[in-house]
Amino acid sequence: MPGAARTPVRERLDKARRFVQRGLWELEPSALGILRAALIYRLRLVVLVAEGSLRDQLLLRAAALTYKTVFSLVPLVAVMLAFFKGFGGTEAAGNSLQQQLLESATPGLGIQVMNELIRSVGNIHAGAVGGIGVILLIYTAISLLTTVEESFNHIWGVKQGRPFFWRCIIYWGVITLGPVVFAVSITATAFVESSGLLGWIREHIGLLNTGILFLTPFVFAWFGFAALYYFMPNTPVQWGSAFAGGIVGGSLWELAKHGYVYYNTTVLTTYKIYGALGAVPLFLLWVYLSWVIVLFGAEFAFARQHVKTYRREIEMEPPSLAAQTELALLAILLIAREYAAGREPVTLRRLGEALNVPVRFANDVLFRLGAAGLVREVVAREPGYVPGRDAAAITVKDVLDAMKRAGANPAFGGKVEGGVQVRELLARADAAVDRELGSVTIDKLAR
């Protein structure tokens, strides 16, 4: 029978799925030898990246960022060039940088489309928009960066964006330093080609010269992507993980750029049919592909940083309300003790290590405690947490309420009999908890 014939296949698929979901993470790499441990580590990394891409809806988020980019590309380039010229960049250098920025963002889209984009940016510089228009342009440019930050925060499990002050600093750096770094990356290859040293190398070691010329744009792409992954998420990111993600994302982007230009210039015949109008879907395709690569690199950076703690996340998934409440009490106890002792604010990383809990869960608990005003984030490169008010004024009941009442609390019952009695019963239970725990403060527990 067809069903019986498929049974062994289904059994193998189920066995493989169980191994990927649990068996792979229950292995002890230290007992498997160096080669097997390295293989297990890389396999876990691949699984975590794939699972994260599906869970975080990578393709859907890339589509949303593509839509945002369509409206923000020209304003963003215009704002960047305005700051570039404002800080001493010459008109000729600015014009050259403008063309290179747009060519990199839209490779192989044709002269007509490129000239139209350059003309649009030129209109902004020439004062074609008024004061309100300039404000809207800046808002449009910044909104794209805000959406990028939100996407990265979602990947890292961060529920709250960074404070306005730090957001201004990060965005200011992207807008002001971005064109300078990009200009250096553009001229690097030309400098390498014109170097007298490489003239000698070209004669004696031609292969090395070719390799350097080929890798130069890759190296700058690696560092550019790594900086994006390091600074954009509102959570501490290890530089090693950010750079690993930068290598993956930057390499894929450079290879995709070459492949896209080749496909667009030698294979596709859209221009022959539609002319310049055919560049519109091609532009959307390239922007979408670019964001897919950027988000994939972010997933890789996250996976590399948390691959060693993911086993604990599997064991706790999904955490019960009781487990979350216990975690919340332990977290606020640690925060209160450290604050009372005059030590540094407790960072998310330290909290995760102290409580042996994955960052995602610690982040969620801190978000709920913060929403209830029980803890407060201290602004810094690596945010720390202190009590939201005097620990003597925070009771255990407050913490329970913060965890239990997080989110919407609509009234239920409707036409079901007994709704009033249920609410009265829960109110009596709540009052009983208040009598027992309403006087137990975090200050007392922390002593």
Protein backbone atom coordinates (compact mmCIF):
# COMPACT_ATOMS: atom_id res chain seq x y z
CA MET A 1 0.00 0.00 0.00
CA PRO A 2 1.20 3.56 -0.66
CA GLY A 3 0.80 4.51 3.01
CA ALA A 4 2.83 1.48 4.18
CA ALA A 5 5.55 2.20 1.60
CA ARG A 6 5.99 5.70 2.96
CA THR A 7 6.20 4.62 6.59
CA PRO A 8 9.98 3.94 6.68
CA VAL A 9 10.61 7.33 5.02
CA ARG A 10 8.41 9.09 7.52
CA GLU A 11 10.13 7.29 10.37
CA ARG A 12 13.53 8.42 9.11
CA LEU A 13 12.28 11.98 8.71
CA ASP A 14 10.82 11.97 12.22
CA LYS A 15 14.07 10.54 13.60
CA ALA A 16 16.09 13.21 11.78
CA ARG A 17 13.78 15.95 13.04
CA ARG A 18 14.07 14.72 16.65
CA PHE A 19 17.84 14.60 16.32
CA VAL A 20 18.01 18.15 14.99
CA GLN A 21 15.60 19.50 17.61
CA ARG A 22 16.96 17.69 20.67
CA GLY A 23 19.47 14.91 20.07
CA LEU A 24 22.03 17.22 18.49
CA TRP A 25 21.94 19.53 21.52
CA GLU A 26 22.10 16.74 24.10
CA LEU A 27 25.46 15.48 22.84
CA GLU A 28 28.57 16.30 24.89
CA PRO A 29 31.16 17.52 22.34
CA SER A 30 34.01 17.21 24.86
CA ALA A 31 33.53 13.42 24.89
CA LEU A 32 33.55 13.05 21.09
CA GLY A 33 37.08 14.08 20.16
CA ILE A 34 38.32 17.22 18.42
CA LEU A 35 37.10 16.48 14.90
CA ARG A 36 33.66 15.28 15.92
CA ALA A 37 33.28 18.16 18.37
CA ALA A 38 34.12 20.63 15.59
CA LEU A 39 31.61 18.94 13.30
CA ILE A 40 28.90 19.03 15.99
CA TYR A 41 29.59 22.72 16.64
CA ARG A 42 29.25 23.61 12.96
CA LEU A 43 26.14 21.50 12.56
CA ARG A 44 24.57 23.22 15.57
CA LEU A 45 25.47 26.57 14.04
CA VAL A 46 23.77 25.67 10.76
CA VAL A 47 20.65 24.43 12.54
CA LEU A 48 20.45 27.53 14.72
CA VAL A 49 20.81 29.86 11.72
CA ALA A 50 18.15 27.97 9.75
CA GLU A 51 15.76 27.84 12.70
CA GLY A 52 16.29 31.52 13.48
CA SER A 53 15.69 32.52 9.87
CA LEU A 54 12.35 30.71 9.89
CA ARG A 55 11.31 31.87 13.36
CA ASP A 56 12.19 35.52 12.67
CA GLN A 57 10.51 35.44 9.22
CA LEU A 58 13.67 36.61 7.51
CA LEU A 59 12.18 36.79 4.01
CA LEU A 60 9.16 38.75 5.19
CA ARG A 61 11.32 41.24 7.10
CA ALA A 62 13.55 41.65 4.06
CA ALA A 63 10.46 42.50 2.01
CA ALA A 64 9.43 45.14 4.58
CA LEU A 65 12.91 46.66 4.51
CA THR A 66 12.83 46.66 0.70
CA TYR A 67 9.61 48.68 0.77
CA LYS A 68 11.20 51.10 3.23
CA THR A 69 14.34 51.40 1.12
CA VAL A 70 12.41 52.34 -2.01
CA PHE A 71 11.27 55.52 -0.27
CA SER A 72 14.43 56.13 1.75
CA LEU A 73 17.37 55.50 -0.61
CA VAL A 74 17.53 58.92 -2.25
CA PRO A 75 16.86 60.88 1.00
CA LEU A 76 19.45 58.78 2.86
CA VAL A 77 22.12 59.37 0.21
CA ALA A 78 21.24 63.08 0.13
CA VAL A 79 21.53 63.43 3.92
CA MET A 80 24.81 61.50 3.96
CA LEU A 81 26.33 63.70 1.25
CA ALA A 82 25.11 66.86 2.97
CA PHE A 83 27.00 65.87 6.11
CA PHE A 84 30.00 64.76 4.04
CA LYS A 85 30.27 68.16 2.38
CA GLY A 86 29.48 69.94 5.65
CA PHE A 87 32.51 68.34 7.28
CA GLY A 88 34.93 69.47 4.60
CA GLY A 89 34.28 67.18 1.65
CA THR A 90 34.78 68.89 -1.70
CA GLU A 91 32.08 69.23 -4.35
CA ALA A 92 33.97 66.98 -6.77
CA ALA A 93 34.56 64.34 -4.08
CA GLY A 94 30.92 64.52 -3.05
CA ASN A 95 29.69 64.07 -6.61
CA SER A 96 32.02 61.12 -7.13
CA LEU A 97 30.95 59.58 -3.83
CA GLN A 98 27.30 60.10 -4.76
CA GLN A 99 27.69 58.17 -8.01
CA GLN A 100 29.65 55.38 -6.30
CA LEU A 101 27.08 55.06 -3.52
CA LEU A 102 24.22 54.71 -5.97
CA GLU A 103 26.15 52.35 -8.25
CA SER A 104 26.93 50.11 -5.29
CA ALA A 105 23.34 50.19 -4.08
CA THR A 106 21.96 49.54 -7.57
CA PRO A 107 24.61 47.62 -9.56
CA GLY A 108 24.04 47.08 -13.24
CA LEU A 109 20.76 48.97 -13.54
CA GLY A 110 21.77 51.03 -16.55
CA ILE A 111 22.88 54.56 -17.29
CA GLN A 112 19.38 56.04 -17.66
CA VAL A 113 18.23 54.85 -14.25
CA MET A 114 21.50 55.90 -12.61
CA ASN A 115 21.29 59.37 -14.12
CA GLU A 116 17.71 59.71 -12.86
CA LEU A 117 18.75 58.78 -9.31
CA ILE A 118 21.67 61.21 -9.44
CA ARG A 119 19.36 63.94 -10.72
CA SER A 120 16.95 63.28 -7.83
CA VAL A 121 19.72 63.62 -5.26
CA GLY A 122 20.96 66.73 -7.05
CA ASN A 123 17.53 68.33 -6.83
CA ILE A 124 17.61 67.93 -3.07
CA HIS A 125 21.03 69.51 -2.86
CA ALA A 126 20.00 72.32 -5.14
CA GLY A 127 17.28 73.36 -2.71
CA ALA A 128 14.36 71.96 -4.66
CA VAL A 129 12.58 71.23 -1.38
CA GLY A 130 11.64 73.68 1.36
CA GLY A 131 12.34 73.62 5.07
CA ILE A 132 9.50 71.23 5.85
CA GLY A 133 10.62 69.04 2.97
CA VAL A 134 14.14 68.82 4.41
CA ILE A 135 12.73 67.72 7.77
CA LEU A 136 10.65 65.06 6.05
CA LEU A 137 13.71 63.87 4.12
CA ILE A 138 15.74 63.53 7.30
CA TYR A 139 12.84 61.71 8.96
CA THR A 140 12.55 59.34 5.99
CA ALA A 141 16.28 58.57 6.10
CA ILE A 142 16.27 57.98 9.87
CA SER A 143 13.12 55.84 9.71
CA LEU A 144 14.99 53.34 7.55
CA LEU A 145 17.74 53.05 10.17
CA THR A 146 15.07 52.66 12.87
CA THR A 147 13.48 49.79 10.95
CA VAL A 148 16.88 48.12 10.57
CA GLU A 149 17.48 48.42 14.32
CA GLU A 150 14.06 46.93 15.06
CA SER A 151 14.78 43.98 12.77
CA PHE A 152 18.12 43.33 14.47
CA ASN A 153 16.55 43.66 17.92
CA HIS A 154 13.97 41.07 16.95
CA ILE A 155 16.71 38.64 15.91
CA TRP A 156 18.52 39.17 19.23
CA GLY A 157 15.28 38.88 21.21
CA VAL A 158 15.37 42.51 22.39
CA LYS A 159 11.92 43.92 23.05
CA GLN A 160 12.89 47.53 23.73
CA GLY A 161 14.73 49.94 21.45
CA ARG A 162 17.70 51.94 22.69
CA PRO A 163 17.12 55.32 24.37
CA PHE A 164 16.79 58.39 22.18
CA PHE A 165 20.24 59.71 23.14
CA TRP A 166 22.09 56.56 22.09
CA ARG A 167 19.93 56.20 19.01
CA CYS A 168 21.03 59.67 17.91
CA ILE A 169 24.69 58.77 18.45
CA ILE A 170 24.48 55.51 16.50
CA TYR A 171 22.49 57.02 13.63
CA TRP A 172 24.75 60.06 13.56
CA GLY A 173 27.74 57.74 13.19
CA VAL A 174 26.09 55.84 10.34
CA ILE A 175 25.13 59.01 8.49
CA THR A 176 28.41 60.89 8.99
CA LEU A 177 31.05 58.15 9.04
CA GLY A 178 29.29 55.89 6.53
CA PRO A 179 30.19 57.98 3.45
CA VAL A 180 33.79 58.39 4.63
CA VAL A 181 34.26 54.65 5.15
CA PHE A 182 32.54 53.95 1.86
CA ALA A 183 34.79 56.44 0.07
CA VAL A 184 37.87 54.76 1.52
CA SER A 185 36.63 51.33 0.41
CA ILE A 186 35.99 52.64 -3.10
CA THR A 187 39.42 54.20 -3.51
CA ALA A 188 41.23 51.25 -1.89
CA THR A 189 41.23 49.16 -5.04
CA ALA A 190 42.38 52.11 -7.15
CA PHE A 191 45.15 52.80 -4.64
CA VAL A 192 46.26 49.18 -4.70
CA GLU A 193 46.34 49.20 -8.49
CA SER A 194 48.39 52.40 -8.65
CA SER A 195 50.83 51.45 -5.88
CA GLY A 196 54.47 51.31 -6.94
CA LEU A 197 55.03 48.29 -4.72
CA LEU A 198 52.35 46.33 -6.51
CA GLY A 199 53.87 47.35 -9.80
CA TRP A 200 56.90 45.33 -8.79
CA ILE A 201 54.68 42.53 -7.43
CA ARG A 202 52.76 42.47 -10.71
CA GLU A 203 55.94 41.66 -12.56
CA HIS A 204 57.20 39.03 -10.16
CA ILE A 205 54.17 37.62 -8.32
CA GLY A 206 51.15 38.32 -10.48
CA LEU A 207 48.86 35.89 -8.65
CA LEU A 208 49.31 37.66 -5.32
CA ASN A 209 48.45 41.00 -6.92
CA THR A 210 45.29 39.56 -8.41
CA GLY A 211 44.30 38.08 -5.06
CA ILE A 212 44.80 41.39 -3.24
CA LEU A 213 42.75 43.27 -5.81
CA PHE A 214 39.98 40.69 -5.55
CA LEU A 215 39.90 40.61 -1.74
CA THR A 216 40.11 44.37 -1.10
CA PRO A 217 36.36 45.08 -1.54
CA PHE A 218 35.57 41.92 0.45
CA VAL A 219 37.65 43.10 3.42
CA PHE A 220 35.88 46.46 3.54
CA ALA A 221 32.51 44.74 3.20
CA TRP A 222 33.42 42.42 6.11
CA PHE A 223 34.23 45.31 8.41
CA GLY A 224 31.21 47.31 7.28
CA PHE A 225 28.79 44.46 7.93
CA ALA A 226 30.54 43.62 11.21
CA ALA A 227 30.15 47.21 12.43
CA LEU A 228 26.46 47.06 11.55
CA TYR A 229 25.96 43.86 13.54
CA TYR A 230 28.02 45.16 16.46
CA PHE A 231 26.44 48.58 16.94
CA MET A 232 22.86 48.29 15.66
CA PRO A 233 21.26 45.77 18.08
CA ASN A 234 20.31 47.26 21.45
CA THR A 235 22.17 44.52 23.29
CA PRO A 236 25.83 43.61 23.81
CA VAL A 237 27.22 41.79 20.78
CA GLN A 238 30.61 40.12 20.98
CA TRP A 239 33.00 41.51 18.39
CA GLY A 240 34.05 38.00 17.33
CA SER A 241 30.44 37.07 16.59
CA ALA A 242 29.79 40.37 14.81
CA PHE A 243 32.89 39.90 12.65
CA ALA A 244 31.96 36.30 11.86
CA GLY A 245 28.55 37.54 10.73
CA GLY A 246 30.31 40.30 8.80
CA ILE A 247 32.45 37.79 6.92
CA VAL A 248 29.38 35.73 6.01
CA GLY A 249 27.16 38.69 5.10
CA GLY A 250 29.86 40.75 3.40
CA SER A 251 31.12 37.83 1.31
CA LEU A 252 27.63 36.84 0.21
CA TRP A 253 26.83 40.45 -0.67
CA GLU A 254 29.98 40.93 -2.77
CA LEU A 255 29.45 37.62 -4.57
CA ALA A 256 25.77 38.43 -5.11
CA LYS A 257 26.73 41.82 -6.51
CA HIS A 258 29.05 40.27 -9.10
CA GLY A 259 26.51 37.60 -9.96
CA TYR A 260 23.70 40.12 -10.22
CA VAL A 261 25.67 42.41 -12.54
CA TYR A 262 26.64 39.46 -14.73
CA TYR A 263 23.06 38.23 -14.89
CA ASN A 264 21.71 41.69 -15.58
CA THR A 265 24.18 42.52 -18.35
CA THR A 266 24.59 39.20 -20.13
CA VAL A 267 21.52 37.06 -19.49
CA LEU A 268 18.51 39.26 -18.86
CA THR A 269 16.83 40.95 -21.80
CA THR A 270 14.39 43.16 -19.90
CA TYR A 271 15.96 46.34 -21.22
CA LYS A 272 15.45 45.21 -24.81
CA ILE A 273 11.71 44.93 -24.20
CA TYR A 274 10.88 47.63 -21.64
CA GLY A 275 13.88 49.96 -21.78
CA ALA A 276 14.58 51.93 -18.60
CA LEU A 277 11.22 50.84 -17.16
CA GLY A 278 12.58 47.31 -16.87
CA ALA A 279 15.02 48.53 -14.21
CA VAL A 280 12.22 48.91 -11.64
CA PRO A 281 11.68 45.20 -10.89
CA LEU A 282 15.43 44.61 -11.13
CA PHE A 283 16.07 47.34 -8.58
CA LEU A 284 13.49 45.84 -6.21
CA LEU A 285 15.02 42.39 -6.70
CA TRP A 286 18.51 43.62 -5.85
CA VAL A 287 17.40 45.57 -2.77
CA TYR A 288 15.41 42.56 -1.55
CA LEU A 289 18.36 40.22 -2.08
CA SER A 290 20.65 42.66 -0.25
CA TRP A 291 18.39 42.77 2.80
CA VAL A 292 18.05 38.99 2.83
CA ILE A 293 21.85 38.76 2.98
CA VAL A 294 22.12 41.46 5.68
CA LEU A 295 19.56 39.71 7.89
CA PHE A 296 21.11 36.31 7.23
CA GLY A 297 24.46 37.63 8.41
CA ALA A 298 22.75 38.97 11.54
CA GLU A 299 21.22 35.54 12.17
CA PHE A 300 24.68 34.00 11.81
CA ALA A 301 26.19 36.50 14.27
CA PHE A 302 23.44 35.73 16.80
CA ALA A 303 23.80 31.98 16.32
CA ARG A 304 27.56 32.08 16.84
CA GLN A 305 27.19 34.08 20.04
CA HIS A 306 24.48 31.85 21.54
CA VAL A 307 25.16 28.41 20.10
CA LYS A 308 26.71 27.26 23.39
CA THR A 309 23.68 28.30 25.49
CA TYR A 310 20.98 27.10 23.11
CA ARG A 311 20.78 23.74 24.85
CA ARG A 312 19.53 25.52 27.95
CA GLU A 313 16.99 27.39 25.83
CA ILE A 314 15.60 24.10 24.51
CA GLU A 315 15.27 22.75 28.05
CA MET A 316 13.31 25.85 29.10
CA GLU A 317 11.09 26.16 26.01
CA PRO A 318 8.39 27.12 26.64
CA PRO A 319 8.97 28.47 30.18
CA SER A 320 5.97 28.26 32.49
CA LEU A 321 4.59 31.29 34.29
CA ALA A 322 5.96 29.85 37.54
CA ALA A 323 9.47 29.59 36.02
CA GLN A 324 9.29 33.13 34.68
CA THR A 325 8.13 34.45 38.06
CA GLU A 326 10.98 32.68 39.86
CA LEU A 327 13.43 34.09 37.33
CA ALA A 328 12.00 37.58 37.83
CA LEU A 329 12.42 37.38 41.62
CA LEU A 330 16.00 36.10 41.32
CA ALA A 331 16.81 38.79 38.76
CA ILE A 332 15.52 41.68 40.85
CA LEU A 333 17.24 40.25 43.95
CA LEU A 334 20.58 40.25 42.14
CA ILE A 335 20.00 43.75 40.77
CA ALA A 336 19.02 45.09 44.21
CA ARG A 337 22.02 43.48 45.96
CA GLU A 338 24.51 44.84 43.45
CA TYR A 339 22.97 48.30 43.62
CA ALA A 340 22.98 48.32 47.44
CA ALA A 341 26.65 47.29 47.44
CA GLY A 342 27.54 50.21 45.16
CA ARG A 343 28.67 47.98 42.30
CA GLU A 344 28.17 48.44 38.57
CA PRO A 345 24.64 47.98 37.15
CA VAL A 346 23.87 44.36 36.29
CA THR A 347 24.19 43.76 32.56
CA LEU A 348 22.07 41.32 30.60
CA ARG A 349 25.10 39.15 29.93
CA ARG A 350 26.00 38.93 33.61
CA LEU A 351 22.41 38.19 34.57
CA GLY A 352 22.25 35.34 32.09
CA GLU A 353 25.49 33.85 33.39
CA ALA A 354 24.52 34.23 37.05
CA LEU A 355 21.09 32.62 36.61
CA ASN A 356 22.12 30.12 33.93
CA VAL A 357 19.37 31.35 31.65
CA PRO A 358 19.36 32.14 27.92
CA VAL A 359 19.50 35.79 26.94
CA ARG A 360 16.08 35.70 25.24
CA PHE A 361 14.31 34.69 28.45
CA ALA A 362 16.26 37.12 30.63
CA ASN A 363 15.44 39.89 28.17
CA ASP A 364 11.74 39.10 28.29
CA VAL A 365 11.66 39.10 32.10
CA LEU A 366 13.58 42.38 32.35
CA PHE A 367 11.21 43.94 29.83
CA ARG A 368 8.21 43.04 32.00
CA LEU A 369 9.89 44.28 35.17
CA GLY A 370 10.85 47.48 33.41
CA ALA A 371 7.32 48.02 32.11
CA ALA A 372 6.07 47.78 35.70
CA GLY A 373 8.68 50.29 36.87
CA LEU A 374 10.47 47.75 39.08
CA VAL A 375 13.83 47.98 37.26
CA ARG A 376 15.37 50.72 35.17
CA GLU A 377 17.88 50.52 32.34
CA VAL A 378 21.05 52.58 32.72
CA VAL A 379 22.16 54.11 29.42
CA ALA A 380 25.58 52.83 28.32
CA ARG A 381 27.22 50.92 25.48
CA GLU A 382 26.39 47.74 27.39
CA PRO A 383 23.14 48.60 29.17
CA GLY A 384 22.87 47.71 32.84
CA TYR A 385 19.92 47.52 35.22
CA VAL A 386 19.22 49.06 38.63
CA PRO A 387 16.06 49.03 40.80
CA GLY A 388 13.33 51.25 39.41
CA ARG A 389 12.63 52.58 42.90
CA ASP A 390 13.81 51.99 46.44
CA ALA A 391 14.06 48.24 47.04
CA ALA A 392 12.26 48.77 50.37
CA ALA A 393 9.24 49.93 48.35
CA ILE A 394 9.19 46.89 46.03
CA THR A 395 7.32 43.88 47.34
CA VAL A 396 7.25 40.30 46.17
CA LYS A 397 3.61 40.89 45.30
CA ASP A 398 4.69 43.68 42.94
CA VAL A 399 6.95 41.26 41.08
CA LEU A 400 4.22 38.64 40.87
CA ASP A 401 1.81 41.21 39.48
CA ALA A 402 4.36 42.41 36.94
CA MET A 403 4.72 38.90 35.55
CA LYS A 404 1.08 37.87 35.85
CA ARG A 405 -0.49 41.01 34.46
CA ALA A 406 1.94 41.69 31.61
CA GLY A 407 0.01 42.38 28.42
CA ALA A 408 -3.69 43.06 27.93
CA ASN A 409 -6.16 42.15 30.67
CA PRO A 410 -9.62 42.10 29.05
CA ALA A 411 -12.74 41.08 30.93
CA PHE A 412 -14.01 37.59 30.03
CA GLY A 413 -17.21 35.81 30.78
CA GLY A 414 -19.61 36.96 28.13
CA LYS A 415 -22.70 34.77 28.23
CA VAL A 416 -21.06 31.95 30.19
CA GLU A 417 -22.67 31.42 33.58
CA GLY A 418 -20.35 31.75 36.56
CA GLY A 419 -18.24 34.59 35.17
CA VAL A 420 -18.91 36.82 38.17
CA GLN A 421 -18.09 34.03 40.61
CA VAL A 422 -14.81 33.27 38.79
CA ARG A 423 -13.71 36.89 39.00
CA GLU A 424 -14.64 37.07 42.70
CA LEU A 425 -12.70 33.86 43.37
CA LEU A 426 -9.61 35.21 41.64
CA ALA A 427 -9.92 38.49 43.52
CA ARG A 428 -10.00 36.59 46.86
CA ALA A 429 -6.93 34.60 45.81
CA ASP A 430 -5.17 37.82 44.87
CA ALA A 431 -6.08 39.36 48.23
CA ALA A 432 -4.72 36.29 50.03
CA VAL A 433 -1.42 36.59 48.19
CA ASP A 434 -1.35 40.27 49.07
CA ARG A 435 -1.78 39.48 52.78
CA GLU A 436 1.06 36.96 52.67
CA LEU A 437 3.52 38.69 50.36
CA GLY A 438 2.41 42.32 50.28
CA SER A 439 4.71 43.15 53.20
CA VAL A 440 7.73 41.12 52.03
CA THR A 441 10.03 43.59 50.32
CA ILE A 442 12.93 42.94 47.99
CA ASP A 443 15.12 44.89 50.41
CA LYS A 444 14.45 42.31 53.12
CA LEU A 445 15.12 39.36 50.81
CA ALA A 446 18.31 40.91 49.49
CA ARG A 447 19.91 41.23 52.94
